[in-house]
């Protein structure tokens, strides 16, 4: 039995963080109904395969929030969690800012861009990363960190809401700010763990990227026992130059096989 079997989730969230959160809750057994506007979810147009992957365990329905409001209320009448990703003012206009007042068992997980009194300010993943030092211009990010971590924060908030309801007896409204997720991710930069010449930013030979015959490999032998094994296999000197010379004429497959044989964390970069 999955942990969230019997839990009902309704999601009005489009784009990425909300659908990610709804997908994770569905994976844990929740019954999820994804409500989309007549124009659909932009994610379906931008990344059809990803959209299909995220909604695979969900029932997708199309509703006009105004014309079909009774149908939405019917869905919410026995739901446990409502996920939204619109501006607070839009949520207020729909009368959904405090849904537990109408549906006492229901908790709102409201995903916004910025925390506090800046919740109305527009933004996207790129903006939140820019503010918190995660970007390395001129390169665009390969991973939408704020969106993905924000989605997981929404999952945590939903689980906390369910636990809280067991003692309070009623649902409540909870807000998740994507910029907060970016700020948490930026902690690694602020505290000098990643970034130029940082321990996990290229300063350590045992935790680095190396060119090989057909691409690159990632060596993650940061713990002493892994580093000692790496020294035995890849070079006793343990310098970046010595490791680089060892890897240079070997393929990713050869190096992965060697690492697996000696229990060293090394992988080819795909």
Protein backbone atom coordinates (compact mmCIF):
# COMPACT_ATOMS: atom_id res chain seq x y z
CA UNK A 1 0.00 0.00 0.00
CA UNK A 2 1.39 3.38 -1.01
CA UNK A 3 1.55 5.99 1.78
CA UNK A 4 -0.88 8.48 0.23
CA UNK A 5 -3.58 6.08 -0.93
CA UNK A 6 -6.94 7.63 -0.12
CA UNK A 7 -5.60 11.19 -0.34
CA UNK A 8 -7.26 13.34 -3.02
CA UNK A 9 -5.37 16.16 -4.72
CA UNK A 10 -6.70 18.78 -7.11
CA UNK A 11 -4.09 20.81 -9.00
CA UNK A 12 -4.79 24.03 -10.90
CA UNK A 13 -1.05 24.59 -11.38
CA UNK A 14 0.45 24.86 -14.85
CA UNK A 15 4.03 25.15 -16.15
CA UNK A 16 6.54 23.14 -14.10
CA UNK A 17 6.69 23.34 -10.27
CA UNK A 18 3.03 22.49 -9.65
CA UNK A 19 2.90 19.59 -12.14
CA UNK A 20 6.13 18.24 -10.63
CA UNK A 21 4.61 18.35 -7.16
CA UNK A 22 1.36 16.75 -8.30
CA UNK A 23 3.31 13.99 -10.06
CA UNK A 24 5.32 13.22 -6.90
CA UNK A 25 2.15 13.04 -4.81
CA UNK A 26 0.62 10.69 -7.40
CA UNK A 27 3.74 8.50 -7.21
CA UNK A 28 3.10 8.18 -3.48
CA UNK A 29 -0.42 6.97 -4.09
CA UNK A 30 -2.56 10.12 -4.05
CA UNK A 31 -5.45 10.40 -6.48
CA UNK A 32 -4.69 13.53 -8.51
CA UNK A 33 -7.05 15.50 -10.72
CA UNK A 34 -5.27 18.10 -12.85
CA UNK A 35 -7.59 20.93 -13.83
CA UNK A 36 -6.46 22.88 -16.89
CA UNK A 37 -7.89 26.02 -18.54
CA UNK A 38 -9.29 25.75 -22.07
CA UNK A 39 -5.93 26.99 -23.40
CA UNK A 40 -4.20 24.00 -21.78
CA UNK A 41 -0.93 23.79 -19.90
CA UNK A 42 2.00 25.56 -21.65
CA UNK A 43 4.23 22.69 -20.53
CA UNK A 44 2.39 20.38 -22.95
CA UNK A 45 3.41 22.60 -25.87
CA UNK A 46 6.98 23.20 -24.66
CA UNK A 47 7.83 19.63 -23.63
CA UNK A 48 5.10 17.19 -24.66
CA UNK A 49 6.94 14.07 -23.52
CA UNK A 50 7.71 15.52 -20.10
CA UNK A 51 4.12 16.68 -19.72
CA UNK A 52 2.89 13.18 -20.55
CA UNK A 53 5.34 11.68 -18.08
CA UNK A 54 4.22 13.97 -15.26
CA UNK A 55 0.50 13.50 -15.87
CA UNK A 56 0.61 9.74 -16.48
CA UNK A 57 -0.96 8.91 -13.10
CA UNK A 58 -3.44 11.79 -13.12
CA UNK A 59 -6.89 12.54 -14.45
CA UNK A 60 -6.75 15.68 -16.60
CA UNK A 61 -9.93 17.73 -17.00
CA UNK A 62 -10.54 21.05 -18.75
CA UNK A 63 -12.57 23.67 -16.92
CA UNK A 64 -13.24 27.36 -17.29
CA UNK A 65 -12.68 28.70 -13.78
CA UNK A 66 -15.67 31.03 -14.05
CA UNK A 67 -18.18 29.22 -16.23
CA UNK A 68 -17.47 25.79 -14.74
CA UNK A 69 -16.99 26.85 -11.14
CA UNK A 70 -19.65 24.42 -9.78
CA UNK A 71 -17.68 21.52 -11.29
CA UNK A 72 -14.50 22.75 -9.62
CA UNK A 73 -16.29 23.06 -6.28
CA UNK A 74 -17.53 19.50 -6.72
CA UNK A 75 -13.94 18.32 -7.13
CA UNK A 76 -12.85 20.31 -4.07
CA UNK A 77 -15.71 19.12 -1.88
CA UNK A 78 -13.91 15.92 -0.89
CA UNK A 79 -10.32 16.84 -1.80
CA UNK A 80 -7.51 17.00 0.76
CA UNK A 81 -4.99 19.17 -1.11
CA UNK A 82 -5.37 21.99 -3.64
CA UNK A 83 -2.24 23.07 -5.55
CA UNK A 84 -2.16 26.43 -7.32
CA UNK A 85 0.52 28.50 -9.07
CA UNK A 86 -1.18 31.80 -9.90
CA UNK A 87 -0.61 35.24 -8.43
CA UNK A 88 -2.27 35.80 -5.03
CA UNK A 89 -4.56 38.46 -6.50
CA UNK A 90 -5.87 35.98 -9.08
CA UNK A 91 -6.44 33.42 -6.34
CA UNK A 92 -8.39 36.01 -4.37
CA UNK A 93 -10.56 36.86 -7.37
CA UNK A 94 -11.43 33.17 -7.72
CA UNK A 95 -12.30 32.96 -4.03
CA UNK A 96 -9.67 30.27 -3.47
CA UNK A 97 -7.19 32.05 -1.18
CA UNK A 98 -8.73 30.36 1.88
CA UNK A 99 -10.52 27.31 0.51
CA UNK A 100 -10.67 25.62 3.93
CA UNK A 101 -13.30 28.17 4.94
CA UNK A 102 -15.67 26.57 2.42
CA UNK A 103 -14.20 23.06 2.48
CA UNK A 104 -12.90 22.48 6.03
CA UNK A 105 -10.85 19.41 5.16
CA UNK A 106 -8.98 21.11 2.32
CA UNK A 107 -5.46 22.55 2.51
CA UNK A 108 -4.12 25.00 -0.06
CA UNK A 109 -0.54 24.69 -1.34
CA UNK A 110 0.00 28.02 -3.09
CA UNK A 111 3.14 28.21 -5.26
CA UNK A 112 4.33 31.78 -5.88
CA UNK A 113 7.50 33.29 -7.31
CA UNK A 114 8.72 35.55 -4.52
CA UNK A 115 8.22 35.45 -0.75
CA UNK A 116 6.48 37.98 1.47
CA UNK A 117 5.08 41.20 0.04
CA UNK A 118 6.74 40.51 -3.33
CA UNK A 119 4.50 37.54 -4.08
CA UNK A 120 2.80 39.49 -6.89
CA UNK A 121 6.09 40.25 -8.67
CA UNK A 122 6.44 38.20 -11.88
CA UNK A 123 9.38 35.89 -12.40
CA UNK A 124 10.61 32.52 -13.59
CA UNK A 125 13.34 30.04 -12.76
CA UNK A 126 16.01 32.06 -14.57
CA UNK A 127 15.20 35.15 -12.48
CA UNK A 128 15.36 33.30 -9.16
CA UNK A 129 18.67 31.68 -10.09
CA UNK A 130 20.08 35.06 -11.14
CA UNK A 131 19.25 36.63 -7.77
CA UNK A 132 20.91 33.89 -5.72
CA UNK A 133 24.21 33.35 -7.50
CA UNK A 134 23.51 30.01 -9.16
CA UNK A 135 24.05 31.16 -12.75
CA UNK A 136 27.39 31.17 -14.58
CA UNK A 137 26.92 33.73 -17.40
CA UNK A 138 26.91 33.66 -20.34
CA UNK A 139 25.71 30.05 -20.07
CA UNK A 140 22.02 29.36 -19.59
CA UNK A 141 21.20 26.88 -16.80
CA UNK A 142 20.94 23.23 -17.80
CA UNK A 143 18.57 22.46 -14.91
CA UNK A 144 15.59 24.58 -13.72
CA UNK A 145 16.77 24.32 -10.11
CA UNK A 146 14.26 26.68 -8.52
CA UNK A 147 11.32 25.03 -10.29
CA UNK A 148 12.40 21.51 -9.36
CA UNK A 149 13.29 22.29 -5.75
CA UNK A 150 10.16 24.44 -5.50
CA UNK A 151 8.08 21.48 -6.64
CA UNK A 152 9.64 19.31 -3.94
CA UNK A 153 8.97 22.05 -1.37
CA UNK A 154 5.34 22.00 -2.44
CA UNK A 155 5.28 18.24 -1.83
CA UNK A 156 6.77 18.77 1.65
CA UNK A 157 4.18 21.44 2.38
CA UNK A 158 1.38 19.11 1.27
CA UNK A 159 2.64 16.33 3.52
CA UNK A 160 3.01 18.75 6.43
CA UNK A 161 -0.54 19.97 5.81
CA UNK A 162 -1.88 16.43 6.01
CA UNK A 163 -0.02 15.81 9.26
CA UNK A 164 -1.19 19.12 10.73
CA UNK A 165 -4.80 18.31 9.87
CA UNK A 166 -4.66 15.19 12.01
CA UNK A 167 -4.28 17.39 15.10
CA UNK A 168 -6.15 20.54 14.05
CA UNK A 169 -9.01 18.77 12.36
CA UNK A 170 -9.12 21.28 9.51
CA UNK A 171 -7.12 22.29 6.48
CA UNK A 172 -5.14 25.52 6.12
CA UNK A 173 -3.36 27.66 3.53
CA UNK A 174 0.37 27.23 2.91
CA UNK A 175 2.60 29.24 0.57
CA UNK A 176 5.74 28.02 -1.23
CA UNK A 177 8.02 30.64 -2.85
CA UNK A 178 10.25 29.50 -5.69
CA UNK A 179 12.82 32.19 -4.87
CA UNK A 180 13.23 30.59 -1.44
CA UNK A 181 14.10 27.33 -3.18
CA UNK A 182 16.72 29.13 -5.27
CA UNK A 183 18.10 30.78 -2.13
CA UNK A 184 18.51 27.37 -0.49
CA UNK A 185 20.28 26.03 -3.58
CA UNK A 186 22.52 29.11 -3.58
CA UNK A 187 23.72 28.22 -0.08
CA UNK A 188 26.44 26.08 -1.63
CA UNK A 189 27.81 29.16 -3.43
CA UNK A 190 27.38 31.57 -0.51
CA UNK A 191 29.24 29.26 1.85
CA UNK A 192 32.10 28.58 -0.55
CA UNK A 193 31.39 24.91 -1.26
CA UNK A 194 30.90 25.39 -5.01
CA UNK A 195 32.11 28.06 -7.41
CA UNK A 196 35.55 28.91 -8.74
CA UNK A 197 38.38 27.35 -6.70
CA UNK A 198 35.91 25.94 -4.14
CA UNK A 199 36.20 22.38 -2.76
CA UNK A 200 33.37 21.10 -4.97
CA UNK A 201 34.04 23.63 -7.73
CA UNK A 202 37.26 22.21 -9.15
CA UNK A 203 39.83 22.85 -6.43
CA UNK A 204 40.13 19.17 -5.47
CA UNK A 205 41.61 16.59 -7.86
CA UNK A 206 39.54 13.82 -6.29
CA UNK A 207 36.30 15.68 -7.10
CA UNK A 208 36.60 16.89 -10.65
CA UNK A 209 35.90 16.48 -14.35
CA UNK A 210 38.54 14.94 -16.60
CA UNK A 211 38.87 14.70 -20.37
CA UNK A 212 39.20 11.18 -21.71
CA UNK A 213 39.47 9.58 -25.17
CA UNK A 214 35.77 9.95 -26.01
CA UNK A 215 34.53 12.77 -23.79
CA UNK A 216 34.71 13.44 -20.07
CA UNK A 217 34.45 11.51 -16.82
CA UNK A 218 33.34 12.73 -13.40
CA UNK A 219 35.43 11.57 -10.46
CA UNK A 220 33.73 11.91 -7.06
CA UNK A 221 36.25 10.26 -4.73
CA UNK A 222 35.97 12.93 -2.05
CA UNK A 223 35.91 10.64 1.01
CA UNK A 224 39.35 9.48 2.22
CA UNK A 225 38.75 5.77 1.56
CA UNK A 226 37.58 6.46 -2.00
CA UNK A 227 40.50 8.81 -2.59
CA UNK A 228 42.97 6.16 -1.43
CA UNK A 229 41.48 3.68 -3.89
CA UNK A 230 41.67 6.30 -6.64
CA UNK A 231 45.35 6.77 -5.85
CA UNK A 232 45.95 3.03 -6.19
CA UNK A 233 44.18 2.84 -9.54
CA UNK A 234 44.68 6.21 -11.25
CA UNK A 235 47.95 7.56 -9.93
CA UNK A 236 49.83 7.57 -6.61
CA UNK A 237 50.64 11.27 -6.77
CA UNK A 238 46.98 12.25 -6.52
CA UNK A 239 47.39 15.50 -8.46
CA UNK A 240 45.00 16.79 -11.09
CA UNK A 241 47.75 16.49 -13.70
CA UNK A 242 48.49 12.86 -12.86
CA UNK A 243 44.85 11.85 -12.94
CA UNK A 244 44.36 13.78 -16.20
CA UNK A 245 47.27 11.94 -17.84
CA UNK A 246 45.88 8.58 -16.76
CA UNK A 247 42.38 9.28 -18.11
CA UNK A 248 43.42 10.98 -21.37
CA UNK A 249 43.83 7.90 -23.62
CA UNK A 250 41.06 5.73 -22.15
CA UNK A 251 37.38 5.63 -23.03
CA UNK A 252 34.50 6.34 -20.67
CA UNK A 253 33.51 2.67 -20.77
CA UNK A 254 37.03 1.53 -19.89
CA UNK A 255 37.27 3.96 -16.99
CA UNK A 256 33.80 3.10 -15.67
CA UNK A 257 34.66 -0.60 -15.73
CA UNK A 258 37.91 0.04 -13.89
CA UNK A 259 36.17 2.19 -11.32
CA UNK A 260 33.46 -0.42 -10.75
CA UNK A 261 36.09 -3.11 -10.25
CA UNK A 262 37.81 -1.07 -7.53
CA UNK A 263 34.66 0.55 -6.02
CA UNK A 264 35.56 4.11 -6.98
CA UNK A 265 32.76 6.64 -7.72
CA UNK A 266 33.44 7.58 -11.34
CA UNK A 267 31.02 8.01 -14.23
CA UNK A 268 31.21 9.05 -17.84
CA UNK A 269 29.54 12.38 -18.60
CA UNK A 270 26.57 11.69 -20.87
